[in-house]
Amino acid sequence: MVLIAEDEFLLAQEIEDIVRDIGCRVIGPVGSVTELLGLINGTPCDLALLDIHLRHGETVYAAADRLRLLKIPFAFMTAYGKAEIDPRYAGTRVICKPATAEEIESCLSALMPGKQTDQEIRPLS
């Protein structure tokens, strides 16, 4: 299952549609760090796509830290480029918005090389 954090409604719907069309289940999308942390802590997911800047100027770094701790792969989504990303996340995959379906699918495949698209992404373990 793919967790999506995106605060722009239309863009969130577009990303959700792309992920579903690939054949994955979606959790969210959510637009705040509080909602995001609630889902991370309460709903199993296989990976996450995180818009760096959410509502009220929040950044997703607290959620990214939690995902790292849980060993859940994630990628950042941004319209600003890699230069804006906190240096602690220098090796994290980045999807530049607006993204194509091919870019999102490629990112999902890279995050979970053994994924299956028969309704959900399965962990490699």
N, C-alpha and C. Protein backbone atom coordinates (compact mmCIF):
# COMPACT_ATOMS: atom_id res chain seq x y z
N MET A 1 0.84 -1.17 0.00
CA MET A 1 0.00 0.00 0.00
C MET A 1 0.89 1.24 0.00
N VAL A 2 0.46 2.24 -0.70
CA VAL A 2 1.23 3.46 -0.88
C VAL A 2 0.56 4.60 -0.12
N LEU A 3 1.29 5.20 0.80
CA LEU A 3 0.81 6.36 1.55
C LEU A 3 1.17 7.61 0.76
N ILE A 4 0.18 8.49 0.57
CA ILE A 4 0.41 9.73 -0.18
C ILE A 4 0.14 10.92 0.73
N ALA A 5 1.11 11.84 0.78
CA ALA A 5 0.95 13.11 1.48
C ALA A 5 1.07 14.23 0.45
N GLU A 6 -0.03 14.92 0.21
CA GLU A 6 -0.08 16.02 -0.76
C GLU A 6 -1.23 16.93 -0.34
N ASP A 7 -0.95 18.23 -0.16
CA ASP A 7 -1.98 19.13 0.33
C ASP A 7 -2.77 19.85 -0.77
N GLU A 8 -2.34 19.78 -2.00
CA GLU A 8 -3.10 20.39 -3.10
C GLU A 8 -4.09 19.35 -3.62
N PHE A 9 -5.39 19.61 -3.43
CA PHE A 9 -6.43 18.62 -3.68
C PHE A 9 -6.36 18.01 -5.08
N LEU A 10 -6.31 18.83 -6.11
CA LEU A 10 -6.32 18.29 -7.47
C LEU A 10 -5.08 17.47 -7.77
N LEU A 11 -3.95 17.93 -7.31
CA LEU A 11 -2.71 17.18 -7.51
C LEU A 11 -2.74 15.87 -6.72
N ALA A 12 -3.28 15.91 -5.52
CA ALA A 12 -3.40 14.70 -4.71
C ALA A 12 -4.27 13.67 -5.41
N GLN A 13 -5.37 14.11 -5.99
CA GLN A 13 -6.26 13.21 -6.72
C GLN A 13 -5.57 12.62 -7.94
N GLU A 14 -4.81 13.44 -8.63
CA GLU A 14 -4.09 12.97 -9.81
C GLU A 14 -3.05 11.90 -9.44
N ILE A 15 -2.29 12.16 -8.39
CA ILE A 15 -1.29 11.19 -7.94
C ILE A 15 -1.96 9.91 -7.48
N GLU A 16 -3.05 10.04 -6.73
CA GLU A 16 -3.79 8.87 -6.27
C GLU A 16 -4.27 8.04 -7.47
N ASP A 17 -4.82 8.69 -8.48
CA ASP A 17 -5.30 7.98 -9.67
C ASP A 17 -4.17 7.24 -10.37
N ILE A 18 -3.02 7.89 -10.48
CA ILE A 18 -1.87 7.26 -11.14
C ILE A 18 -1.44 6.02 -10.36
N VAL A 19 -1.33 6.15 -9.04
CA VAL A 19 -0.89 5.02 -8.21
C VAL A 19 -1.90 3.88 -8.29
N ARG A 20 -3.18 4.20 -8.28
CA ARG A 20 -4.22 3.16 -8.41
C ARG A 20 -4.16 2.51 -9.80
N ASP A 21 -3.95 3.32 -10.84
CA ASP A 21 -3.87 2.79 -12.20
C ASP A 21 -2.69 1.83 -12.36
N ILE A 22 -1.64 2.06 -11.60
CA ILE A 22 -0.48 1.16 -11.62
C ILE A 22 -0.87 -0.17 -11.00
N GLY A 23 -1.88 -0.16 -10.14
CA GLY A 23 -2.36 -1.38 -9.51
C GLY A 23 -2.09 -1.46 -8.03
N CYS A 24 -1.84 -0.32 -7.41
CA CYS A 24 -1.52 -0.29 -5.99
C CYS A 24 -2.68 0.28 -5.18
N ARG A 25 -2.78 -0.16 -3.95
CA ARG A 25 -3.74 0.45 -3.02
C ARG A 25 -3.13 1.74 -2.50
N VAL A 26 -4.02 2.67 -2.13
CA VAL A 26 -3.58 3.99 -1.67
C VAL A 26 -4.10 4.24 -0.26
N ILE A 27 -3.24 4.81 0.56
CA ILE A 27 -3.64 5.32 1.87
C ILE A 27 -3.54 6.84 1.76
N GLY A 28 -4.59 7.53 2.11
CA GLY A 28 -4.63 8.98 1.98
C GLY A 28 -5.34 9.34 0.70
N PRO A 29 -4.96 10.41 0.09
CA PRO A 29 -3.90 11.34 0.47
C PRO A 29 -4.29 12.21 1.67
N VAL A 30 -3.25 12.65 2.38
CA VAL A 30 -3.42 13.55 3.51
C VAL A 30 -2.63 14.83 3.25
N GLY A 31 -3.05 15.92 3.92
CA GLY A 31 -2.42 17.21 3.65
C GLY A 31 -1.77 17.87 4.84
N SER A 32 -1.70 17.16 5.97
CA SER A 32 -1.04 17.76 7.13
C SER A 32 -0.12 16.73 7.79
N VAL A 33 0.86 17.23 8.52
CA VAL A 33 1.80 16.35 9.19
C VAL A 33 1.10 15.54 10.28
N THR A 34 0.15 16.15 10.97
CA THR A 34 -0.59 15.43 12.01
C THR A 34 -1.33 14.24 11.43
N GLU A 35 -2.05 14.45 10.33
CA GLU A 35 -2.75 13.35 9.67
C GLU A 35 -1.76 12.29 9.19
N LEU A 36 -0.67 12.74 8.62
CA LEU A 36 0.35 11.85 8.08
C LEU A 36 0.94 10.96 9.17
N LEU A 37 1.34 11.56 10.29
CA LEU A 37 1.89 10.78 11.39
C LEU A 37 0.86 9.80 11.96
N GLY A 38 -0.40 10.21 12.00
CA GLY A 38 -1.45 9.32 12.46
C GLY A 38 -1.57 8.09 11.59
N LEU A 39 -1.49 8.28 10.27
CA LEU A 39 -1.56 7.14 9.36
C LEU A 39 -0.31 6.26 9.46
N ILE A 40 0.84 6.88 9.55
CA ILE A 40 2.09 6.11 9.67
C ILE A 40 2.05 5.23 10.91
N ASN A 41 1.56 5.79 12.00
CA ASN A 41 1.54 5.05 13.26
C ASN A 41 0.38 4.07 13.37
N GLY A 42 -0.67 4.24 12.55
CA GLY A 42 -1.84 3.40 12.72
C GLY A 42 -2.23 2.53 11.54
N THR A 43 -1.56 2.69 10.41
CA THR A 43 -1.94 1.95 9.21
C THR A 43 -0.70 1.39 8.54
N PRO A 44 -0.62 0.08 8.36
CA PRO A 44 0.55 -0.47 7.68
C PRO A 44 0.63 0.02 6.23
N CYS A 45 1.82 0.39 5.82
CA CYS A 45 2.02 0.75 4.42
C CYS A 45 3.37 0.20 3.97
N ASP A 46 3.51 0.08 2.65
CA ASP A 46 4.74 -0.47 2.08
C ASP A 46 5.73 0.62 1.69
N LEU A 47 5.21 1.78 1.32
CA LEU A 47 6.05 2.91 0.96
C LEU A 47 5.22 4.17 0.94
N ALA A 48 5.90 5.32 0.81
CA ALA A 48 5.20 6.60 0.87
C ALA A 48 5.75 7.58 -0.16
N LEU A 49 4.85 8.41 -0.67
CA LEU A 49 5.19 9.54 -1.52
C LEU A 49 4.82 10.79 -0.74
N LEU A 50 5.82 11.63 -0.46
CA LEU A 50 5.64 12.75 0.46
C LEU A 50 5.93 14.09 -0.21
N ASP A 51 4.91 14.92 -0.32
CA ASP A 51 5.13 16.31 -0.70
C ASP A 51 5.91 16.95 0.45
N ILE A 52 6.97 17.65 0.16
CA ILE A 52 7.81 18.21 1.23
C ILE A 52 7.07 19.28 2.02
N HIS A 53 6.34 20.14 1.33
CA HIS A 53 5.65 21.25 2.00
C HIS A 53 4.15 20.98 2.03
N LEU A 54 3.61 20.87 3.25
CA LEU A 54 2.19 20.64 3.41
C LEU A 54 1.52 21.90 3.96
N ARG A 55 0.30 21.76 4.43
CA ARG A 55 -0.48 22.90 4.94
C ARG A 55 0.25 23.69 6.02
N HIS A 56 -0.05 24.98 6.07
CA HIS A 56 0.44 25.87 7.13
C HIS A 56 1.96 25.92 7.21
N GLY A 57 2.63 25.71 6.08
CA GLY A 57 4.08 25.79 6.05
C GLY A 57 4.80 24.62 6.68
N GLU A 58 4.08 23.54 6.97
CA GLU A 58 4.70 22.36 7.57
C GLU A 58 5.57 21.64 6.56
N THR A 59 6.66 21.05 7.03
CA THR A 59 7.44 20.15 6.20
C THR A 59 7.24 18.73 6.71
N VAL A 60 7.50 17.76 5.85
CA VAL A 60 7.23 16.36 6.19
C VAL A 60 8.41 15.66 6.87
N TYR A 61 9.41 16.39 7.27
CA TYR A 61 10.60 15.74 7.80
C TYR A 61 10.35 14.90 9.05
N ALA A 62 9.44 15.31 9.92
CA ALA A 62 9.12 14.49 11.10
C ALA A 62 8.54 13.15 10.65
N ALA A 63 7.70 13.17 9.64
CA ALA A 63 7.12 11.93 9.12
C ALA A 63 8.19 11.10 8.42
N ALA A 64 9.08 11.75 7.70
CA ALA A 64 10.18 11.03 7.03
C ALA A 64 11.07 10.35 8.07
N ASP A 65 11.32 11.03 9.18
CA ASP A 65 12.11 10.43 10.26
C ASP A 65 11.41 9.18 10.80
N ARG A 66 10.10 9.26 10.98
CA ARG A 66 9.34 8.11 11.48
C ARG A 66 9.38 6.96 10.48
N LEU A 67 9.21 7.27 9.19
CA LEU A 67 9.28 6.23 8.16
C LEU A 67 10.64 5.55 8.15
N ARG A 68 11.71 6.35 8.28
CA ARG A 68 13.06 5.78 8.34
C ARG A 68 13.19 4.82 9.51
N LEU A 69 12.69 5.24 10.67
CA LEU A 69 12.75 4.42 11.86
C LEU A 69 12.02 3.08 11.65
N LEU A 70 10.91 3.12 10.93
CA LEU A 70 10.12 1.92 10.65
C LEU A 70 10.62 1.16 9.42
N LYS A 71 11.67 1.70 8.78
CA LYS A 71 12.26 1.08 7.58
C LYS A 71 11.26 0.98 6.42
N ILE A 72 10.42 2.02 6.29
CA ILE A 72 9.46 2.11 5.19
C ILE A 72 10.05 3.06 4.15
N PRO A 73 10.27 2.58 2.93
CA PRO A 73 10.85 3.45 1.90
C PRO A 73 9.90 4.58 1.52
N PHE A 74 10.51 5.71 1.14
CA PHE A 74 9.70 6.86 0.74
C PHE A 74 10.46 7.69 -0.28
N ALA A 75 9.69 8.52 -0.98
CA ALA A 75 10.27 9.50 -1.90
C ALA A 75 9.61 10.84 -1.62
N PHE A 76 10.36 11.89 -1.85
CA PHE A 76 9.81 13.23 -1.74
C PHE A 76 9.24 13.67 -3.08
N MET A 77 8.20 14.49 -3.03
CA MET A 77 7.65 15.13 -4.22
C MET A 77 7.77 16.63 -4.00
N THR A 78 8.27 17.32 -5.01
CA THR A 78 8.44 18.77 -4.86
C THR A 78 8.41 19.45 -6.22
N ALA A 79 7.97 20.69 -6.19
CA ALA A 79 8.01 21.51 -7.40
C ALA A 79 9.23 22.44 -7.37
N TYR A 80 10.00 22.39 -6.29
CA TYR A 80 11.11 23.32 -6.10
C TYR A 80 12.47 22.77 -6.44
N GLY A 81 12.60 21.48 -6.62
CA GLY A 81 13.89 20.90 -6.95
C GLY A 81 14.60 20.35 -5.73
N LYS A 82 15.67 19.61 -5.99
CA LYS A 82 16.41 18.92 -4.94
C LYS A 82 17.15 19.85 -4.00
N ALA A 83 17.46 21.05 -4.44
CA ALA A 83 18.24 21.99 -3.63
C ALA A 83 17.54 22.36 -2.33
N GLU A 84 16.21 22.29 -2.29
CA GLU A 84 15.46 22.69 -1.10
C GLU A 84 15.39 21.59 -0.04
N ILE A 85 15.84 20.40 -0.35
CA ILE A 85 15.69 19.27 0.56
C ILE A 85 16.75 19.34 1.66
N ASP A 86 16.29 19.08 2.88
CA ASP A 86 17.18 19.05 4.03
C ASP A 86 18.34 18.10 3.73
N PRO A 87 19.59 18.51 4.00
CA PRO A 87 20.76 17.69 3.70
C PRO A 87 20.73 16.29 4.33
N ARG A 88 19.98 16.11 5.42
CA ARG A 88 19.87 14.78 6.03
C ARG A 88 19.26 13.76 5.08
N TYR A 89 18.58 14.25 4.05
CA TYR A 89 17.88 13.37 3.11
C TYR A 89 18.50 13.42 1.73
N ALA A 90 19.78 13.68 1.67
CA ALA A 90 20.47 13.85 0.38
C ALA A 90 20.31 12.65 -0.55
N GLY A 91 20.21 11.45 -0.03
CA GLY A 91 20.10 10.26 -0.87
C GLY A 91 18.67 9.83 -1.17
N THR A 92 17.70 10.59 -0.72
CA THR A 92 16.30 10.23 -0.90
C THR A 92 15.86 10.50 -2.33
N ARG A 93 15.07 9.59 -2.87
CA ARG A 93 14.51 9.79 -4.22
C ARG A 93 13.60 11.00 -4.22
N VAL A 94 13.59 11.70 -5.36
CA VAL A 94 12.78 12.90 -5.50
C VAL A 94 12.00 12.83 -6.81
N ILE A 95 10.72 13.11 -6.72
CA ILE A 95 9.86 13.24 -7.90
C ILE A 95 9.58 14.73 -8.05
N CYS A 96 9.94 15.28 -9.20
CA CYS A 96 9.67 16.69 -9.46
C CYS A 96 8.25 16.84 -9.98
N LYS A 97 7.48 17.72 -9.34
CA LYS A 97 6.09 17.94 -9.73
C LYS A 97 6.02 19.05 -10.76
N PRO A 98 5.10 18.96 -11.69
CA PRO A 98 4.16 17.86 -11.87
C PRO A 98 4.87 16.65 -12.48
N ALA A 99 4.49 15.47 -12.02
CA ALA A 99 5.14 14.23 -12.47
C ALA A 99 4.23 13.48 -13.42
N THR A 100 4.85 12.76 -14.31
CA THR A 100 4.09 11.91 -15.23
C THR A 100 3.83 10.56 -14.56
N ALA A 101 2.90 9.82 -15.11
CA ALA A 101 2.61 8.48 -14.60
C ALA A 101 3.85 7.61 -14.68
N GLU A 102 4.63 7.77 -15.74
CA GLU A 102 5.84 6.98 -15.92
C GLU A 102 6.87 7.30 -14.83
N GLU A 103 7.00 8.56 -14.47
CA GLU A 103 7.95 8.94 -13.42
C GLU A 103 7.54 8.37 -12.07
N ILE A 104 6.25 8.42 -11.78
CA ILE A 104 5.76 7.88 -10.51
C ILE A 104 5.92 6.37 -10.48
N GLU A 105 5.58 5.70 -11.57
CA GLU A 105 5.73 4.25 -11.62
C GLU A 105 7.20 3.84 -11.49
N SER A 106 8.08 4.57 -12.14
CA SER A 106 9.51 4.29 -12.05
C SER A 106 10.00 4.45 -10.61
N CYS A 107 9.54 5.48 -9.94
CA CYS A 107 9.93 5.72 -8.55
C CYS A 107 9.42 4.60 -7.65
N LEU A 108 8.16 4.21 -7.82
CA LEU A 108 7.60 3.12 -7.02
C LEU A 108 8.38 1.83 -7.24
N SER A 109 8.72 1.56 -8.49
CA SER A 109 9.50 0.35 -8.80
C SER A 109 10.86 0.38 -8.14
N ALA A 110 11.50 1.54 -8.13
CA ALA A 110 12.82 1.68 -7.52
C ALA A 110 12.75 1.54 -6.00
N LEU A 111 11.68 2.06 -5.40
CA LEU A 111 11.54 1.97 -3.95
C LEU A 111 11.25 0.55 -3.48
N MET A 112 10.56 -0.20 -4.30
CA MET A 112 10.17 -1.55 -3.93
C MET A 112 10.38 -2.45 -5.14
N PRO A 113 11.65 -2.84 -5.41
CA PRO A 113 11.94 -3.59 -6.63
C PRO A 113 11.13 -4.87 -6.80
N GLY A 114 10.70 -5.50 -5.73
CA GLY A 114 9.94 -6.74 -5.83
C GLY A 114 8.44 -6.52 -5.81
N LYS A 115 8.00 -5.28 -6.05
CA LYS A 115 6.57 -5.00 -5.92
C LYS A 115 5.73 -5.76 -6.92
N GLN A 116 4.52 -6.01 -6.53
CA GLN A 116 3.54 -6.62 -7.41
C GLN A 116 2.43 -5.61 -7.59
N THR A 117 1.85 -5.56 -8.76
CA THR A 117 0.81 -4.58 -9.00
C THR A 117 -0.56 -5.24 -9.12
N ASP A 118 -0.77 -6.30 -8.37
CA ASP A 118 -2.07 -6.95 -8.35
C ASP A 118 -2.85 -6.48 -7.13
N GLN A 119 -3.00 -5.20 -6.99
CA GLN A 119 -3.76 -4.52 -5.96
C GLN A 119 -2.93 -3.99 -4.81
N GLU A 120 -1.71 -4.44 -4.62
CA GLU A 120 -0.93 -3.83 -3.54
C GLU A 120 0.55 -4.13 -3.71
N ILE A 121 1.35 -3.34 -3.06
CA ILE A 121 2.79 -3.56 -3.03
C ILE A 121 3.09 -4.41 -1.83
N ARG A 122 3.88 -5.43 -2.02
CA ARG A 122 4.18 -6.35 -0.94
C ARG A 122 5.62 -6.14 -0.50
N PRO A 123 5.88 -6.20 0.81
CA PRO A 123 7.25 -6.05 1.29
C PRO A 123 8.15 -7.16 0.78
N LEU A 124 9.44 -6.89 0.69
CA LEU A 124 10.40 -7.86 0.19
C LEU A 124 10.75 -8.93 1.22
N SER A 125 10.45 -8.71 2.47
CA SER A 125 10.86 -9.64 3.53
C SER A 125 10.20 -10.99 3.44
